[in-house]
C-alpha atoms as a PDB file:
ATOM      1  CA  MET A   1      31.599 -29.797 133.283  1.00  0.00           C
ATOM      2  CA  GLU A   2      31.364 -26.216 131.995  1.00  0.00           C
ATOM      3  CA  ALA A   3      35.139 -25.864 132.227  1.00  0.00           C
ATOM      4  CA  MET A   4      35.590 -29.062 130.240  1.00  0.00           C
ATOM      5  CA  THR A   5      33.162 -27.791 127.600  1.00  0.00           C
ATOM      6  CA  ARG A   6      35.007 -24.483 127.345  1.00  0.00           C
ATOM      7  CA  GLY A   7      38.279 -26.373 127.046  1.00  0.00           C
ATOM      8  CA  SER A   8      36.921 -28.625 124.310  1.00  0.00           C
ATOM      9  CA  THR A   9      35.569 -25.644 122.398  1.00  0.00           C
ATOM     10  CA  ALA A  10      38.918 -23.825 122.616  1.00  0.00           C
ATOM     11  CA  ALA A  11      40.773 -26.931 121.435  1.00  0.00           C
ATOM     12  CA  ALA A  12      38.394 -27.347 118.523  1.00  0.00           C
ATOM     13  CA  GLN A  13      38.797 -23.681 117.580  1.00  0.00           C
ATOM     14  CA  LEU A  14      42.605 -24.028 117.761  1.00  0.00           C
ATOM     15  CA  LEU A  15      42.501 -27.122 115.551  1.00  0.00           C
ATOM     16  CA  LYS A  16      40.322 -25.287 113.042  1.00  0.00           C
ATOM     17  CA  THR A  17      42.736 -22.341 113.034  1.00  0.00           C
ATOM     18  CA  GLU A  18      45.704 -24.657 112.487  1.00  0.00           C
ATOM     19  CA  LYS A  19      43.968 -26.301 109.529  1.00  0.00           C
ATOM     20  CA  GLU A  20      43.195 -22.925 107.956  1.00  0.00           C
ATOM     21  CA  ARG A  21      46.711 -21.563 108.449  1.00  0.00           C
ATOM     22  CA  PRO A  22      48.951 -21.956 105.347  1.00  0.00           C
ATOM     23  CA  VAL A  23      51.670 -24.532 105.950  1.00  0.00           C
ATOM     24  CA  THR A  24      54.010 -23.114 103.305  1.00  0.00           C
ATOM     25  CA  ASP A  25      55.893 -19.902 102.674  1.00  0.00           C
ATOM     26  CA  HIS A  26      55.103 -20.193  98.984  1.00  0.00           C
ATOM     27  CA  LYS A  27      52.628 -17.743  97.507  1.00  0.00           C
ATOM     28  CA  ILE A  28      49.036 -18.941  97.893  1.00  0.00           C
ATOM     29  CA  GLY A  29      46.493 -17.653  95.374  1.00  0.00           C
ATOM     30  CA  THR A  30      42.933 -18.025  94.242  1.00  0.00           C
ATOM     31  CA  ARG A  31      41.891 -20.231  91.350  1.00  0.00           C
ATOM     32  CA  GLU A  32      41.606 -17.111  89.171  1.00  0.00           C
ATOM     33  CA  GLU A  33      45.120 -15.965  90.087  1.00  0.00           C
ATOM     34  CA  TRP A  34      46.535 -19.455  89.471  1.00  0.00           C
ATOM     35  CA  LEU A  35      44.829 -19.709  86.075  1.00  0.00           C
ATOM     36  CA  ALA A  36      46.070 -16.273  84.967  1.00  0.00           C
ATOM     37  CA  ALA A  37      49.645 -17.172  85.939  1.00  0.00           C
ATOM     38  CA  ARG A  38      49.339 -20.602  84.331  1.00  0.00           C
ATOM     39  CA  LEU A  39      48.145 -19.144  81.028  1.00  0.00           C
ATOM     40  CA  GLU A  40      51.064 -16.694  81.044  1.00  0.00           C
ATOM     41  CA  LEU A  41      53.431 -19.604  81.670  1.00  0.00           C
ATOM     42  CA  LEU A  42      51.735 -21.631  78.925  1.00  0.00           C
ATOM     43  CA  GLU A  43      52.637 -18.970  76.361  1.00  0.00           C
ATOM     44  CA  ALA A  44      56.265 -19.096  77.524  1.00  0.00           C
ATOM     45  CA  GLU A  45      56.225 -22.910  77.327  1.00  0.00           C
ATOM     46  CA  LYS A  46      54.830 -22.797  73.799  1.00  0.00           C
ATOM     47  CA  GLU A  47      57.545 -20.341  72.799  1.00  0.00           C
ATOM     48  CA  LEU A  48      60.181 -22.665  74.289  1.00  0.00           C
ATOM     49  CA  THR A  49      58.681 -25.573  72.320  1.00  0.00           C
ATOM     50  CA  ARG A  50      58.807 -23.580  69.101  1.00  0.00           C
ATOM     51  CA  ARG A  51      62.385 -22.560  69.871  1.00  0.00           C
ATOM     52  CA  GLY A  52      63.247 -26.214  70.568  1.00  0.00           C
ATOM     53  CA  ASP A  53      61.800 -27.213  67.184  1.00  0.00           C
ATOM     54  CA  GLN A  54      63.927 -24.534  65.544  1.00  0.00           C
ATOM     55  CA  LEU A  55      67.065 -25.760  67.329  1.00  0.00           C
ATOM     56  CA  ALA A  56      66.319 -29.337  66.236  1.00  0.00           C
ATOM     57  CA  ARG A  57      66.184 -28.149  62.619  1.00  0.00           C
ATOM     58  CA  GLN A  58      69.471 -26.296  63.105  1.00  0.00           C
ATOM     59  CA  ARG A  59      71.085 -29.493  64.400  1.00  0.00           C
ATOM     60  CA  GLN A  60      69.884 -31.385  61.351  1.00  0.00           C
ATOM     61  CA  GLU A  61      71.215 -28.666  59.041  1.00  0.00           C
ATOM     62  CA  LEU A  62      74.774 -28.799  60.411  1.00  0.00           C
ATOM     63  CA  PRO A  63      77.332 -29.850  57.792  1.00  0.00           C
ATOM     64  CA  TRP A  64      78.506 -33.443  58.149  1.00  0.00           C
ATOM     65  CA  LEU A  65      82.133 -34.335  58.836  1.00  0.00           C
ATOM     66  CA  LEU A  66      83.520 -37.410  57.087  1.00  0.00           C
ATOM     67  CA  ILE A  67      85.123 -39.849  59.540  1.00  0.00           C
ATOM     68  CA  ASP A  68      88.299 -40.984  57.792  1.00  0.00           C
ATOM     69  CA  LYS A  69      89.879 -42.610  60.848  1.00  0.00           C
ATOM     70  CA  GLU A  70      89.402 -46.258  61.772  1.00  0.00           C
ATOM     71  CA  TYR A  71      87.912 -46.912  65.195  1.00  0.00           C
ATOM     72  CA  HIS A  72      87.468 -50.367  66.652  1.00  0.00           C
ATOM     73  CA  PHE A  73      85.337 -51.373  69.604  1.00  0.00           C
ATOM     74  CA  GLN A  74      84.771 -54.500  71.659  1.00  0.00           C
ATOM     75  CA  THR A  75      81.129 -55.550  71.932  1.00  0.00           C
ATOM     76  CA  ASP A  76      79.209 -58.539  73.249  1.00  0.00           C
ATOM     77  CA  GLU A  77      79.381 -59.954  69.717  1.00  0.00           C
ATOM     78  CA  GLY A  78      83.108 -59.320  69.240  1.00  0.00           C
ATOM     79  CA  SER A  79      85.191 -56.608  67.564  1.00  0.00           C
ATOM     80  CA  ALA A  80      83.309 -53.966  65.580  1.00  0.00           C
ATOM     81  CA  SER A  81      84.113 -50.894  63.525  1.00  0.00           C
ATOM     82  CA  LEU A  82      82.218 -47.638  63.926  1.00  0.00           C
ATOM     83  CA  ALA A  83      80.216 -48.462  60.797  1.00  0.00           C
ATOM     84  CA  GLU A  84      79.263 -51.842  62.266  1.00  0.00           C
ATOM     85  CA  LEU A  85      77.727 -50.191  65.315  1.00  0.00           C
ATOM     86  CA  PHE A  86      74.932 -48.936  63.052  1.00  0.00           C
ATOM     87  CA  ARG A  87      73.558 -52.508  62.904  1.00  0.00           C
ATOM     88  CA  GLY A  88      71.822 -51.924  59.571  1.00  0.00           C
ATOM     89  CA  ARG A  89      70.492 -48.475  60.428  1.00  0.00           C
ATOM     90  CA  SER A  90      71.535 -45.215  58.808  1.00  0.00           C
ATOM     91  CA  GLN A  91      71.812 -43.232  62.064  1.00  0.00           C
ATOM     92  CA  LEU A  92      73.817 -43.832  65.215  1.00  0.00           C
ATOM     93  CA  LEU A  93      73.592 -42.124  68.605  1.00  0.00           C
ATOM     94  CA  VAL A  94      76.414 -42.664  71.101  1.00  0.00           C
ATOM     95  CA  TYR A  95      76.264 -41.792  74.774  1.00  0.00           C
ATOM     96  CA  HIS A  96      79.804 -41.264  76.048  1.00  0.00           C
ATOM     97  CA  PHE A  97      79.446 -42.994  79.412  1.00  0.00           C
ATOM     98  CA  MET A  98      82.056 -42.108  82.039  1.00  0.00           C
ATOM     99  CA  PHE A  99      83.647 -45.454  82.876  1.00  0.00           C
ATOM    100  CA  GLY A 100      87.401 -45.170  82.555  1.00  0.00           C
ATOM    101  CA  PRO A 101      89.872 -48.064  82.446  1.00  0.00           C
ATOM    102  CA  ASP A 102      90.726 -47.582  86.135  1.00  0.00           C
ATOM    103  CA  TYR A 103      87.135 -47.198  87.343  1.00  0.00           C
ATOM    104  CA  LEU A 104      85.601 -50.011  89.373  1.00  0.00           C
ATOM    105  CA  ALA A 105      82.044 -48.815  88.671  1.00  0.00           C
ATOM    106  CA  GLY A 106      80.373 -46.436  86.255  1.00  0.00           C
ATOM    107  CA  CYS A 107      79.780 -42.773  87.034  1.00  0.00           C
ATOM    108  CA  PRO A 108      76.553 -42.434  89.107  1.00  0.00           C
ATOM    109  CA  ALA A 109      75.387 -39.457  87.019  1.00  0.00           C
ATOM    110  CA  CYS A 110      75.888 -41.327  83.748  1.00  0.00           C
ATOM    111  CA  SER A 111      74.168 -44.293  85.375  1.00  0.00           C
ATOM    112  CA  ALA A 112      71.135 -42.152  86.218  1.00  0.00           C
ATOM    113  CA  ILE A 113      70.930 -41.004  82.595  1.00  0.00           C
ATOM    114  CA  ALA A 114      71.413 -44.547  81.269  1.00  0.00           C
ATOM    115  CA  ASP A 115      68.582 -45.851  83.459  1.00  0.00           C
ATOM    116  CA  GLY A 116      66.221 -44.572  80.784  1.00  0.00           C
ATOM    117  CA  PHE A 117      67.945 -46.187  77.805  1.00  0.00           C
ATOM    118  CA  ASN A 118      66.318 -49.616  78.052  1.00  0.00           C
ATOM    119  CA  GLY A 119      62.854 -48.208  77.502  1.00  0.00           C
ATOM    120  CA  PHE A 120      63.431 -46.187  74.354  1.00  0.00           C
ATOM    121  CA  ALA A 121      66.370 -47.945  72.658  1.00  0.00           C
ATOM    122  CA  VAL A 122      63.949 -50.396  71.019  1.00  0.00           C
ATOM    123  CA  HIS A 123      61.832 -47.526  69.683  1.00  0.00           C
ATOM    124  CA  LEU A 124      64.897 -45.816  68.215  1.00  0.00           C
ATOM    125  CA  ALA A 125      66.092 -49.082  66.659  1.00  0.00           C
ATOM    126  CA  ASN A 126      62.749 -49.402  64.897  1.00  0.00           C
ATOM    127  CA  HIS A 127      63.027 -45.852  63.595  1.00  0.00           C
ATOM    128  CA  ASP A 128      66.363 -46.288  61.777  1.00  0.00           C
ATOM    129  CA  VAL A 129      68.414 -45.082  64.781  1.00  0.00           C
ATOM    130  CA  MET A 130      70.843 -47.240  66.778  1.00  0.00           C
ATOM    131  CA  LEU A 131      71.711 -46.223  70.331  1.00  0.00           C
ATOM    132  CA  TRP A 132      74.957 -47.304  72.013  1.00  0.00           C
ATOM    133  CA  ALA A 133      76.816 -46.393  75.161  1.00  0.00           C
ATOM    134  CA  VAL A 134      80.597 -46.277  74.676  1.00  0.00           C
ATOM    135  CA  SER A 135      83.224 -46.190  77.429  1.00  0.00           C
ATOM    136  CA  ARG A 136      86.990 -46.635  77.725  1.00  0.00           C
ATOM    137  CA  ALA A 137      86.847 -49.395  80.339  1.00  0.00           C
ATOM    138  CA  PRO A 138      87.564 -52.947  79.161  1.00  0.00           C
ATOM    139  CA  LEU A 139      84.483 -54.833  77.994  1.00  0.00           C
ATOM    140  CA  ALA A 140      84.476 -57.251  80.941  1.00  0.00           C
ATOM    141  CA  LYS A 141      84.027 -54.348  83.386  1.00  0.00           C
ATOM    142  CA  LEU A 142      81.183 -52.906  81.326  1.00  0.00           C
ATOM    143  CA  GLN A 143      79.450 -56.269  81.093  1.00  0.00           C
ATOM    144  CA  ALA A 144      79.663 -56.854  84.849  1.00  0.00           C
ATOM    145  CA  TYR A 145      78.295 -53.391  85.642  1.00  0.00           C
ATOM    146  CA  LYS A 146      75.578 -53.770  83.028  1.00  0.00           C
ATOM    147  CA  ARG A 147      74.443 -56.995  84.723  1.00  0.00           C
ATOM    148  CA  ARG A 148      74.466 -55.285  88.103  1.00  0.00           C
ATOM    149  CA  MET A 149      72.287 -52.445  86.802  1.00  0.00           C
ATOM    150  CA  GLY A 150      69.934 -54.745  84.905  1.00  0.00           C
ATOM    151  CA  TRP A 151      70.458 -52.943  81.594  1.00  0.00           C
ATOM    152  CA  SER A 152      70.007 -54.437  78.132  1.00  0.00           C
ATOM    153  CA  PHE A 153      71.012 -51.593  75.778  1.00  0.00           C
ATOM    154  CA  PRO A 154      74.203 -52.160  73.732  1.00  0.00           C
ATOM    155  CA  TRP A 155      77.417 -50.971  75.351  1.00  0.00           C
ATOM    156  CA  ALA A 156      80.793 -51.011  73.600  1.00  0.00           C
ATOM    157  CA  SER A 157      84.309 -50.681  74.924  1.00  0.00           C
ATOM    158  CA  ALA A 158      86.656 -48.234  73.210  1.00  0.00           C
ATOM    159  CA  TYR A 159      89.575 -49.468  75.319  1.00  0.00           C
ATOM    160  CA  GLY A 160      92.867 -48.661  73.572  1.00  0.00           C
ATOM    161  CA  SER A 161      91.118 -46.539  70.926  1.00  0.00           C
ATOM    162  CA  ASP A 162      91.372 -42.812  70.235  1.00  0.00           C
ATOM    163  CA  PHE A 163      87.583 -42.587  69.982  1.00  0.00           C
ATOM    164  CA  ASN A 164      86.917 -40.948  73.343  1.00  0.00           C
ATOM    165  CA  PRO A 165      89.747 -38.378  73.215  1.00  0.00           C
ATOM    166  CA  ASP A 166      88.874 -37.554  69.607  1.00  0.00           C
ATOM    167  CA  PHE A 167      85.329 -36.708  70.696  1.00  0.00           C
ATOM    168  CA  GLN A 168      86.421 -34.638  73.714  1.00  0.00           C
ATOM    169  CA  VAL A 169      85.305 -37.084  76.421  1.00  0.00           C
ATOM    170  CA  ALA A 170      88.720 -38.293  77.614  1.00  0.00           C
ATOM    171  CA  VAL A 171      92.163 -36.759  78.026  1.00  0.00           C
ATOM    172  CA  SER A 172      94.681 -37.966  75.450  1.00  0.00           C
ATOM    173  CA  GLU A 173      98.347 -38.541  76.183  1.00  0.00           C
ATOM    174  CA  ALA A 174      99.253 -35.616  73.915  1.00  0.00           C
ATOM    175  CA  GLN A 175      96.887 -33.333  75.846  1.00  0.00           C
ATOM    176  CA  ARG A 176      98.290 -34.546  79.142  1.00  0.00           C
ATOM    177  CA  GLN A 177     101.796 -33.674  77.991  1.00  0.00           C
ATOM    178  CA  SER A 178     100.775 -30.261  76.652  1.00  0.00           C
ATOM    179  CA  GLY A 179      98.716 -29.435  79.750  1.00  0.00           C
ATOM    180  CA  VAL A 180      95.758 -28.315  77.624  1.00  0.00           C
ATOM    181  CA  GLY A 181      92.560 -30.312  77.187  1.00  0.00           C
ATOM    182  CA  GLU A 182      89.385 -29.659  75.206  1.00  0.00           C
ATOM    183  CA  TYR A 183      85.782 -30.092  76.299  1.00  0.00           C
ATOM    184  CA  ASN A 184      82.565 -28.614  74.979  1.00  0.00           C
ATOM    185  CA  TYR A 185      84.525 -26.939  72.165  1.00  0.00           C
ATOM    186  CA  ARG A 186      86.710 -24.987  74.596  1.00  0.00           C
ATOM    187  CA  GLU A 187      90.246 -25.516  75.795  1.00  0.00           C
ATOM    188  CA  PHE A 188      90.900 -25.954  79.508  1.00  0.00           C
ATOM    189  CA  ASP A 189      93.958 -26.138  81.745  1.00  0.00           C
ATOM    190  CA  LEU A 190      95.066 -29.639  82.726  1.00  0.00           C
ATOM    191  CA  THR A 191      97.644 -28.460  85.240  1.00  0.00           C
ATOM    192  CA  PRO A 192      97.121 -30.466  88.445  1.00  0.00           C
ATOM    193  CA  PRO A 193      95.973 -28.397  91.458  1.00  0.00           C
ATOM    194  CA  ALA A 194      98.636 -27.378  93.953  1.00  0.00           C
ATOM    195  CA  GLU A 195      96.876 -29.496  96.569  1.00  0.00           C
ATOM    196  CA  PRO A 196      95.374 -32.758  95.318  1.00  0.00           C
ATOM    197  CA  VAL A 197      91.696 -33.347  96.056  1.00  0.00           C
ATOM    198  CA  VAL A 198      91.881 -36.051  98.713  1.00  0.00           C
ATOM    199  CA  ASP A 199      88.781 -35.387 100.809  1.00  0.00           C
ATOM    200  CA  GLY A 200      85.491 -33.526 100.684  1.00  0.00           C
ATOM    201  CA  PRO A 201      82.526 -33.877  98.302  1.00  0.00           C
ATOM    202  CA  LEU A 202      84.605 -34.145  95.104  1.00  0.00           C
ATOM    203  CA  ALA A 203      86.815 -36.905  96.488  1.00  0.00           C
ATOM    204  CA  GLU A 204      83.760 -38.710  97.883  1.00  0.00           C
ATOM    205  CA  TRP A 205      82.017 -38.552  94.514  1.00  0.00           C
ATOM    206  CA  ALA A 206      85.073 -39.945  92.723  1.00  0.00           C
ATOM    207  CA  ALA A 207      85.298 -42.705  95.323  1.00  0.00           C
ATOM    208  CA  THR A 208      81.878 -43.981  94.213  1.00  0.00           C
ATOM    209  CA  THR A 209      83.633 -45.144  91.038  1.00  0.00           C
ATOM    210  CA  GLY A 210      86.587 -46.618  92.935  1.00  0.00           C
ATOM    211  CA  THR A 211      88.961 -43.826  91.887  1.00  0.00           C
ATOM    212  CA  ASP A 212      90.361 -40.524  93.112  1.00  0.00           C
ATOM    213  CA  TRP A 213      89.300 -37.151  91.706  1.00  0.00           C
ATOM    214  CA  ALA A 214      92.309 -36.857  89.367  1.00  0.00           C
ATOM    215  CA  THR A 215      91.531 -40.246  87.793  1.00  0.00           C
ATOM    216  CA  TYR A 216      87.788 -39.669  87.717  1.00  0.00           C
ATOM    217  CA  THR A 217      88.166 -36.424  85.752  1.00  0.00           C
ATOM    218  CA  GLN A 218      90.180 -38.082  82.994  1.00  0.00           C
ATOM    219  CA  GLU A 219      86.734 -38.917  81.579  1.00  0.00           C
ATOM    220  CA  ALA A 220      83.845 -36.619  80.681  1.00  0.00           C
ATOM    221  CA  PRO A 221      80.204 -37.111  79.639  1.00  0.00           C
ATOM    222  CA  GLY A 222      78.793 -36.350  76.213  1.00  0.00           C
ATOM    223  CA  MET A 223      76.788 -37.648  73.276  1.00  0.00           C
ATOM    224  CA  SER A 224      77.579 -37.846  69.586  1.00  0.00           C
ATOM    225  CA  ALA A 225      75.507 -38.491  66.469  1.00  0.00           C
ATOM    226  CA  PHE A 226      76.657 -40.151  63.269  1.00  0.00           C
ATOM    227  CA  ALA A 227      75.189 -40.895  59.844  1.00  0.00           C
ATOM    228  CA  LEU A 228      75.991 -43.753  57.471  1.00  0.00           C
ATOM    229  CA  ASP A 229      75.593 -42.912  53.803  1.00  0.00           C
ATOM    230  CA  ASP A 230      76.873 -45.019  50.904  1.00  0.00           C
ATOM    231  CA  GLY A 231      79.238 -46.908  53.204  1.00  0.00           C
ATOM    232  CA  ARG A 232      80.793 -43.754  54.665  1.00  0.00           C
ATOM    233  CA  VAL A 233      80.397 -42.622  58.276  1.00  0.00           C
ATOM    234  CA  TYR A 234      79.858 -38.946  59.076  1.00  0.00           C
ATOM    235  CA  HIS A 235      79.935 -37.110  62.397  1.00  0.00           C
ATOM    236  CA  THR A 236      76.853 -34.885  62.539  1.00  0.00           C
ATOM    237  CA  TYR A 237      76.571 -33.557  66.108  1.00  0.00           C
ATOM    238  CA  SER A 238      77.971 -33.738  69.645  1.00  0.00           C
ATOM    239  CA  ALA A 239      76.851 -32.208  72.925  1.00  0.00           C
ATOM    240  CA  TYR A 240      78.412 -31.978  76.371  1.00  0.00           C
ATOM    241  CA  ALA A 241      77.847 -30.695  79.915  1.00  0.00           C
ATOM    242  CA  ARG A 242      74.425 -28.971  80.232  1.00  0.00           C
ATOM    243  CA  GLY A 243      73.774 -29.906  76.619  1.00  0.00           C
ATOM    244  CA  LEU A 244      72.926 -33.355  77.993  1.00  0.00           C
ATOM    245  CA  ASP A 245      70.123 -32.136  80.276  1.00  0.00           C
ATOM    246  CA  GLY A 246      67.463 -32.980  77.725  1.00  0.00           C
ATOM    247  CA  LEU A 247      68.609 -36.625  77.717  1.00  0.00           C
ATOM    248  CA  TRP A 248      68.211 -36.947  81.476  1.00  0.00           C
ATOM    249  CA  GLY A 249      64.680 -38.214  82.062  1.00  0.00           C
ATOM    250  CA  MET A 250      64.824 -37.663  85.833  1.00  0.00           C
ATOM    251  CA  TYR A 251      65.503 -33.960  85.398  1.00  0.00           C
ATOM    252  CA  GLN A 252      62.649 -33.509  82.923  1.00  0.00           C
ATOM    253  CA  TRP A 253      60.260 -34.725  85.624  1.00  0.00           C
ATOM    254  CA  LEU A 254      61.941 -32.741  88.406  1.00  0.00           C
ATOM    255  CA  ASP A 255      61.651 -29.532  86.351  1.00  0.00           C
ATOM    256  CA  ARG A 256      57.860 -29.995  86.624  1.00  0.00           C
ATOM    257  CA  ALA A 257      57.848 -30.849  90.328  1.00  0.00           C
ATOM    258  CA  PRO A 258      56.783 -28.156  92.859  1.00  0.00           C
ATOM    259  CA  ARG A 259      60.335 -27.618  94.138  1.00  0.00           C
ATOM    260  CA  GLY A 260      62.148 -28.338  90.873  1.00  0.00           C
ATOM    261  CA  ARG A 261      65.586 -29.901  91.006  1.00  0.00           C
ATOM    262  CA  ASN A 262      66.066 -28.704  94.582  1.00  0.00           C
ATOM    263  CA  GLU A 263      69.826 -29.201  94.422  1.00  0.00           C
ATOM    264  CA  GLU A 264      71.048 -26.444  96.719  1.00  0.00           C
ATOM    265  CA  ARG A 265      73.705 -27.839  99.005  1.00  0.00           C
ATOM    266  CA  ALA A 266      76.143 -26.788 101.701  1.00  0.00           C
ATOM    267  CA  PRO A 267      79.813 -26.689 100.651  1.00  0.00           C
ATOM    268  CA  ASP A 268      80.622 -29.867 102.584  1.00  0.00           C
ATOM    269  CA  ALA A 269      77.446 -31.745 101.626  1.00  0.00           C
ATOM    270  CA  PRO A 270      77.464 -34.619  99.091  1.00  0.00           C
ATOM    271  CA  LEU A 271      78.021 -33.424  95.529  1.00  0.00           C
ATOM    272  CA  ASN A 272      74.697 -34.823  94.266  1.00  0.00           C
ATOM    273  CA  PHE A 273      71.468 -36.018  95.845  1.00  0.00           C
ATOM    274  CA  PHE A 274      71.118 -39.132  93.706  1.00  0.00           C
ATOM    275  CA  ARG A 275      72.784 -42.545  93.797  1.00  0.00           C
ATOM    276  CA  ARG A 276      72.773 -45.582  91.572  1.00  0.00           C
ATOM    277  CA  HIS A 277      69.320 -47.098  91.506  1.00  0.00           C
ATOM    278  CA  ASP A 278      70.422 -50.152  93.520  1.00  0.00           C
ATOM    279  CA  GLU A 279      71.964 -48.062  96.310  1.00  0.00           C
ATOM    280  CA  TYR A 280      68.806 -46.536  97.784  1.00  0.00           C
ATOM    281  CA  ASP A 281      67.272 -47.953 100.939  1.00  0.00           C
ATOM    282  CA  ALA A 282      64.627 -50.590 100.292  1.00  0.00           C
ATOM    283  CA  ASP A 283      61.875 -48.344 101.670  1.00  0.00           C
END
């Protein structure tokens, strides 16, 4: 009996020790230490907010560029000009969604961004701002994918139009022939790699859209803003690459999570952790 008692006491002491032992390698602090660090971070966050307000004013102060070229789109309601996409508003925001003519499904990254559009498009529309997604795929493909994703925001096809190449989100035939493209206000080399990308994470990512890497990269993501004034359309702003981070609701939440975006990966691991919202396991 005494041996059993000693054994029970030792087990209880071990359990207590295990509970007290930190289960993380992250720095553990007192409430006072946490509060001091949090207040220091709060000042940095406030400075970032003020800087963001300043950048927003700088965007609004950019000179406007008159759009003197005719663009036509296919929408659920039929053919539309760029001016008609405003739908009675004076401001238009376009998300350049990667869905090329040869894609079988939309880009998963663009899809993750677009998952948030349904919720705020109605608020924008009631604040004199129209939001559209625009892609080069034929309208029927966009409509089918839109139904699959359960989206309701307006989505137009720019199939056969110069709209996407003109706004740096697709490679034009002239660029393909010259071997020089342009994205994010910089030129880049379009020369095909010596060895085509046929396997590995890049090829696997492209395959999620039903294409190969060379076809997938004929498109690029971006957003553009336009103003309608006295019947004339003006280009006011465009952003690309990391300039789209602020539009990605998922990342705004992850940046506040304990481990952040947590996107470190091995060279042969999948390119991204996320999938389309209907591709996760039910649990």
